Amino acid sequence: MTSSTPRAAVADSLAHLLADTYTLAFKTHGYHWNVVGPHFTMLHEMFGAQYGALYEAADEIAERIRALGIKAPSSHKAFADLTSIAVDDDAGMEEYKMVEQLRDAHLLAAKSAYAVIATAEAHKDPGSADLATARVREHEKAAWMLTSLLG
């Protein structure tokens, strides 16, 4: 993406948040499928709720990018190029490692949301700043809940 206009600059920042959100949703969905261990039921249900909310958030972010008149990234390659969240092979991953990975990914997504807020405020775009503020709250809440599971 290019940041040649204020709208493009905000959309570019939102694209990074979208990539982090979608990557986190995909990662959480995979953990939902593959979690095993003594806390299977609780984690399976928690991950299910989280990936559902993340896919909805990704849709909202993409629609905001479109509302700014910019095409939203929509391919796995585009997301891989834009995300700050590592994609891992979850085969055989221990349940607490999954929780740690998701906590860390939520914190990275929150960092991307903070960047959107800064860019949106610099370009007088309260709608995008508001969307990103809501994402900060959700990512930081999820990170806190996941951290609490770790003790």
C-alpha atoms as a PDB file:
ATOM      1  CA  MET A   1       0.000   0.000   0.000  1.00  0.00           C
ATOM      2  CA  THR A   2       1.009   3.569  -0.442  1.00  0.00           C
ATOM      3  CA  SER A   3       0.658   6.412   2.012  1.00  0.00           C
ATOM      4  CA  SER A   4       0.451   9.280  -0.493  1.00  0.00           C
ATOM      5  CA  THR A   5      -2.719  10.776   1.026  1.00  0.00           C
ATOM      6  CA  PRO A   6      -4.039  11.001   4.578  1.00  0.00           C
ATOM      7  CA  ARG A   7      -6.691   8.379   3.788  1.00  0.00           C
ATOM      8  CA  ALA A   8      -4.056   6.099   2.291  1.00  0.00           C
ATOM      9  CA  ALA A   9      -1.827   6.528   5.343  1.00  0.00           C
ATOM     10  CA  VAL A  10      -4.667   5.526   7.653  1.00  0.00           C
ATOM     11  CA  ALA A  11      -5.675   2.651   5.359  1.00  0.00           C
ATOM     12  CA  ASP A  12      -2.068   1.437   5.321  1.00  0.00           C
ATOM     13  CA  SER A  13      -2.010   1.386   9.108  1.00  0.00           C
ATOM     14  CA  LEU A  14      -5.379  -0.365   9.166  1.00  0.00           C
ATOM     15  CA  ALA A  15      -4.052  -2.945   6.679  1.00  0.00           C
ATOM     16  CA  HIS A  16      -1.374  -3.951   9.182  1.00  0.00           C
ATOM     17  CA  LEU A  17      -4.021  -4.291  11.892  1.00  0.00           C
ATOM     18  CA  LEU A  18      -6.191  -6.297   9.503  1.00  0.00           C
ATOM     19  CA  ALA A  19      -3.291  -8.643   8.727  1.00  0.00           C
ATOM     20  CA  ASP A  20      -2.547  -9.115  12.425  1.00  0.00           C
ATOM     21  CA  THR A  21      -6.224  -9.692  13.196  1.00  0.00           C
ATOM     22  CA  TYR A  22      -6.736 -12.194  10.383  1.00  0.00           C
ATOM     23  CA  THR A  23      -3.489 -14.022  11.164  1.00  0.00           C
ATOM     24  CA  LEU A  24      -4.463 -14.205  14.831  1.00  0.00           C
ATOM     25  CA  ALA A  25      -7.935 -15.485  13.903  1.00  0.00           C
ATOM     26  CA  PHE A  26      -6.409 -18.158  11.678  1.00  0.00           C
ATOM     27  CA  LYS A  27      -3.901 -19.159  14.386  1.00  0.00           C
ATOM     28  CA  THR A  28      -6.624 -19.286  17.050  1.00  0.00           C
ATOM     29  CA  HIS A  29      -8.838 -21.364  14.755  1.00  0.00           C
ATOM     30  CA  GLY A  30      -6.016 -23.873  14.275  1.00  0.00           C
ATOM     31  CA  TYR A  31      -5.449 -24.084  18.018  1.00  0.00           C
ATOM     32  CA  HIS A  32      -9.203 -24.633  18.479  1.00  0.00           C
ATOM     33  CA  TRP A  33      -8.965 -27.666  16.212  1.00  0.00           C
ATOM     34  CA  ASN A  34      -5.763 -29.096  17.636  1.00  0.00           C
ATOM     35  CA  VAL A  35      -5.713 -28.375  21.374  1.00  0.00           C
ATOM     36  CA  VAL A  36      -5.303 -31.448  23.583  1.00  0.00           C
ATOM     37  CA  GLY A  37      -4.725 -31.868  27.273  1.00  0.00           C
ATOM     38  CA  PRO A  38      -6.461 -31.686  30.613  1.00  0.00           C
ATOM     39  CA  HIS A  39      -8.032 -28.296  29.781  1.00  0.00           C
ATOM     40  CA  PHE A  40      -9.261 -29.316  26.338  1.00  0.00           C
ATOM     41  CA  THR A  41     -12.928 -28.430  26.783  1.00  0.00           C
ATOM     42  CA  MET A  42     -12.314 -25.006  28.309  1.00  0.00           C
ATOM     43  CA  LEU A  43      -9.617 -24.046  25.778  1.00  0.00           C
ATOM     44  CA  HIS A  44     -11.520 -25.465  22.797  1.00  0.00           C
ATOM     45  CA  GLU A  45     -14.549 -23.338  23.732  1.00  0.00           C
ATOM     46  CA  MET A  46     -12.457 -20.241  24.537  1.00  0.00           C
ATOM     47  CA  PHE A  47     -10.515 -20.468  21.281  1.00  0.00           C
ATOM     48  CA  GLY A  48     -13.781 -20.952  19.385  1.00  0.00           C
ATOM     49  CA  ALA A  49     -15.266 -17.789  20.848  1.00  0.00           C
ATOM     50  CA  GLN A  50     -12.048 -15.879  20.216  1.00  0.00           C
ATOM     51  CA  TYR A  51     -11.605 -16.842  16.569  1.00  0.00           C
ATOM     52  CA  GLY A  52     -15.244 -16.011  15.865  1.00  0.00           C
ATOM     53  CA  ALA A  53     -14.826 -12.535  17.347  1.00  0.00           C
ATOM     54  CA  LEU A  54     -11.546 -12.039  15.490  1.00  0.00           C
ATOM     55  CA  TYR A  55     -13.054 -12.919  12.098  1.00  0.00           C
ATOM     56  CA  GLU A  56     -15.836 -10.385  12.790  1.00  0.00           C
ATOM     57  CA  ALA A  57     -13.229  -7.776  13.744  1.00  0.00           C
ATOM     58  CA  ALA A  58     -11.270  -8.478  10.551  1.00  0.00           C
ATOM     59  CA  ASP A  59     -14.413  -7.844   8.531  1.00  0.00           C
ATOM     60  CA  GLU A  60     -15.011  -4.537  10.330  1.00  0.00           C
ATOM     61  CA  ILE A  61     -11.411  -3.415   9.741  1.00  0.00           C
ATOM     62  CA  ALA A  62     -11.538  -4.371   6.051  1.00  0.00           C
ATOM     63  CA  GLU A  63     -14.813  -2.501   5.635  1.00  0.00           C
ATOM     64  CA  ARG A  64     -13.268   0.594   7.243  1.00  0.00           C
ATOM     65  CA  ILE A  65     -10.398   0.420   4.738  1.00  0.00           C
ATOM     66  CA  ARG A  66     -12.965   0.231   1.931  1.00  0.00           C
ATOM     67  CA  ALA A  67     -14.901   3.152   3.433  1.00  0.00           C
ATOM     68  CA  LEU A  68     -11.679   5.164   3.073  1.00  0.00           C
ATOM     69  CA  GLY A  69     -11.724   4.359  -0.645  1.00  0.00           C
ATOM     70  CA  ILE A  70      -8.787   1.937  -0.558  1.00  0.00           C
ATOM     71  CA  LYS A  71      -8.808  -1.751  -1.492  1.00  0.00           C
ATOM     72  CA  ALA A  72      -8.342  -3.977   1.535  1.00  0.00           C
ATOM     73  CA  PRO A  73      -5.648  -6.653   1.406  1.00  0.00           C
ATOM     74  CA  SER A  74      -7.343 -10.017   1.005  1.00  0.00           C
ATOM     75  CA  SER A  75      -4.800 -12.732   0.248  1.00  0.00           C
ATOM     76  CA  HIS A  76      -2.721 -14.937   2.495  1.00  0.00           C
ATOM     77  CA  LYS A  77       0.392 -13.504   0.824  1.00  0.00           C
ATOM     78  CA  ALA A  78      -0.684  -9.930   1.527  1.00  0.00           C
ATOM     79  CA  PHE A  79      -1.436 -10.802   5.138  1.00  0.00           C
ATOM     80  CA  ALA A  80       1.890 -12.638   5.498  1.00  0.00           C
ATOM     81  CA  ASP A  81       3.714  -9.568   4.166  1.00  0.00           C
ATOM     82  CA  LEU A  82       1.877  -7.184   6.506  1.00  0.00           C
ATOM     83  CA  THR A  83       1.500  -9.104   9.778  1.00  0.00           C
ATOM     84  CA  SER A  84       3.743  -8.881  12.815  1.00  0.00           C
ATOM     85  CA  ILE A  85       2.426 -12.211  14.128  1.00  0.00           C
ATOM     86  CA  ALA A  86       4.441 -15.344  13.462  1.00  0.00           C
ATOM     87  CA  VAL A  87       2.652 -18.298  11.937  1.00  0.00           C
ATOM     88  CA  ASP A  88       3.707 -21.573  13.497  1.00  0.00           C
ATOM     89  CA  ASP A  89       3.082 -25.269  13.072  1.00  0.00           C
ATOM     90  CA  ASP A  90       0.768 -26.202  15.914  1.00  0.00           C
ATOM     91  CA  ALA A  91       1.109 -29.956  15.415  1.00  0.00           C
ATOM     92  CA  GLY A  92       1.784 -31.429  18.821  1.00  0.00           C
ATOM     93  CA  MET A  93       2.007 -28.052  20.552  1.00  0.00           C
ATOM     94  CA  GLU A  94       1.325 -28.273  24.277  1.00  0.00           C
ATOM     95  CA  GLU A  95      -1.811 -26.461  25.425  1.00  0.00           C
ATOM     96  CA  TYR A  96       0.002 -23.892  27.580  1.00  0.00           C
ATOM     97  CA  LYS A  97       2.340 -23.083  24.694  1.00  0.00           C
ATOM     98  CA  MET A  98      -0.755 -22.331  22.602  1.00  0.00           C
ATOM     99  CA  VAL A  99      -2.015 -20.012  25.333  1.00  0.00           C
ATOM    100  CA  GLU A 100       1.357 -18.222  25.476  1.00  0.00           C
ATOM    101  CA  GLN A 101       1.466 -17.881  21.691  1.00  0.00           C
ATOM    102  CA  LEU A 102      -2.024 -16.389  21.580  1.00  0.00           C
ATOM    103  CA  ARG A 103      -1.311 -14.005  24.468  1.00  0.00           C
ATOM    104  CA  ASP A 104       1.794 -12.729  22.689  1.00  0.00           C
ATOM    105  CA  ALA A 105      -0.083 -12.402  19.395  1.00  0.00           C
ATOM    106  CA  HIS A 106      -2.867 -10.387  21.035  1.00  0.00           C
ATOM    107  CA  LEU A 107      -0.256  -8.010  22.454  1.00  0.00           C
ATOM    108  CA  LEU A 108       1.253  -7.569  18.981  1.00  0.00           C
ATOM    109  CA  ALA A 109      -2.197  -6.896  17.524  1.00  0.00           C
ATOM    110  CA  ALA A 110      -2.823  -4.318  20.264  1.00  0.00           C
ATOM    111  CA  LYS A 111       0.450  -2.644  19.292  1.00  0.00           C
ATOM    112  CA  SER A 112      -0.776  -2.458  15.679  1.00  0.00           C
ATOM    113  CA  ALA A 113      -4.053  -0.969  16.890  1.00  0.00           C
ATOM    114  CA  TYR A 114      -2.152   1.690  18.843  1.00  0.00           C
ATOM    115  CA  ALA A 115      -0.308   2.560  15.625  1.00  0.00           C
ATOM    116  CA  VAL A 116      -3.641   2.994  13.853  1.00  0.00           C
ATOM    117  CA  ILE A 117      -4.818   5.333  16.603  1.00  0.00           C
ATOM    118  CA  ALA A 118      -1.692   7.492  16.244  1.00  0.00           C
ATOM    119  CA  THR A 119      -1.964   7.624  12.448  1.00  0.00           C
ATOM    120  CA  ALA A 120      -5.715   8.242  12.473  1.00  0.00           C
ATOM    121  CA  GLU A 121      -5.415  11.028  15.027  1.00  0.00           C
ATOM    122  CA  ALA A 122      -2.569  12.626  13.063  1.00  0.00           C
ATOM    123  CA  HIS A 123      -4.825  12.649   9.984  1.00  0.00           C
ATOM    124  CA  LYS A 124      -8.004  13.725  11.823  1.00  0.00           C
ATOM    125  CA  ASP A 125      -9.844  10.431  11.279  1.00  0.00           C
ATOM    126  CA  PRO A 126     -11.812   9.783  14.480  1.00  0.00           C
ATOM    127  CA  GLY A 127     -13.742   6.879  12.930  1.00  0.00           C
ATOM    128  CA  SER A 128     -10.599   4.835  12.363  1.00  0.00           C
ATOM    129  CA  ALA A 129      -9.186   5.888  15.744  1.00  0.00           C
ATOM    130  CA  ASP A 130     -12.396   4.739  17.431  1.00  0.00           C
ATOM    131  CA  LEU A 131     -12.317   1.369  15.657  1.00  0.00           C
ATOM    132  CA  ALA A 132      -8.677   0.864  16.700  1.00  0.00           C
ATOM    133  CA  THR A 133      -9.392   1.911  20.286  1.00  0.00           C
ATOM    134  CA  ALA A 134     -12.033  -0.809  20.503  1.00  0.00           C
ATOM    135  CA  ARG A 135      -9.525  -3.312  19.122  1.00  0.00           C
ATOM    136  CA  VAL A 136      -6.938  -2.293  21.753  1.00  0.00           C
ATOM    137  CA  ARG A 137      -9.492  -2.998  24.485  1.00  0.00           C
ATOM    138  CA  GLU A 138     -10.363  -6.408  23.047  1.00  0.00           C
ATOM    139  CA  HIS A 139      -6.759  -7.501  22.443  1.00  0.00           C
ATOM    140  CA  GLU A 140      -5.567  -6.350  25.849  1.00  0.00           C
ATOM    141  CA  LYS A 141      -8.532  -8.063  27.540  1.00  0.00           C
ATOM    142  CA  ALA A 142      -7.809 -11.306  25.674  1.00  0.00           C
ATOM    143  CA  ALA A 143      -4.120 -11.081  26.592  1.00  0.00           C
ATOM    144  CA  TRP A 144      -5.036 -10.568  30.254  1.00  0.00           C
ATOM    145  CA  MET A 145      -7.393 -13.565  30.223  1.00  0.00           C
ATOM    146  CA  LEU A 146      -4.817 -15.783  28.546  1.00  0.00           C
ATOM    147  CA  THR A 147      -2.117 -14.612  30.978  1.00  0.00           C
ATOM    148  CA  SER A 148      -4.435 -15.467  33.868  1.00  0.00           C
ATOM    149  CA  LEU A 149      -4.680 -19.041  32.579  1.00  0.00           C
ATOM    150  CA  LEU A 150      -0.897 -19.329  32.835  1.00  0.00           C
ATOM    151  CA  GLY A 151      -0.943 -18.479  36.553  1.00  0.00           C
END
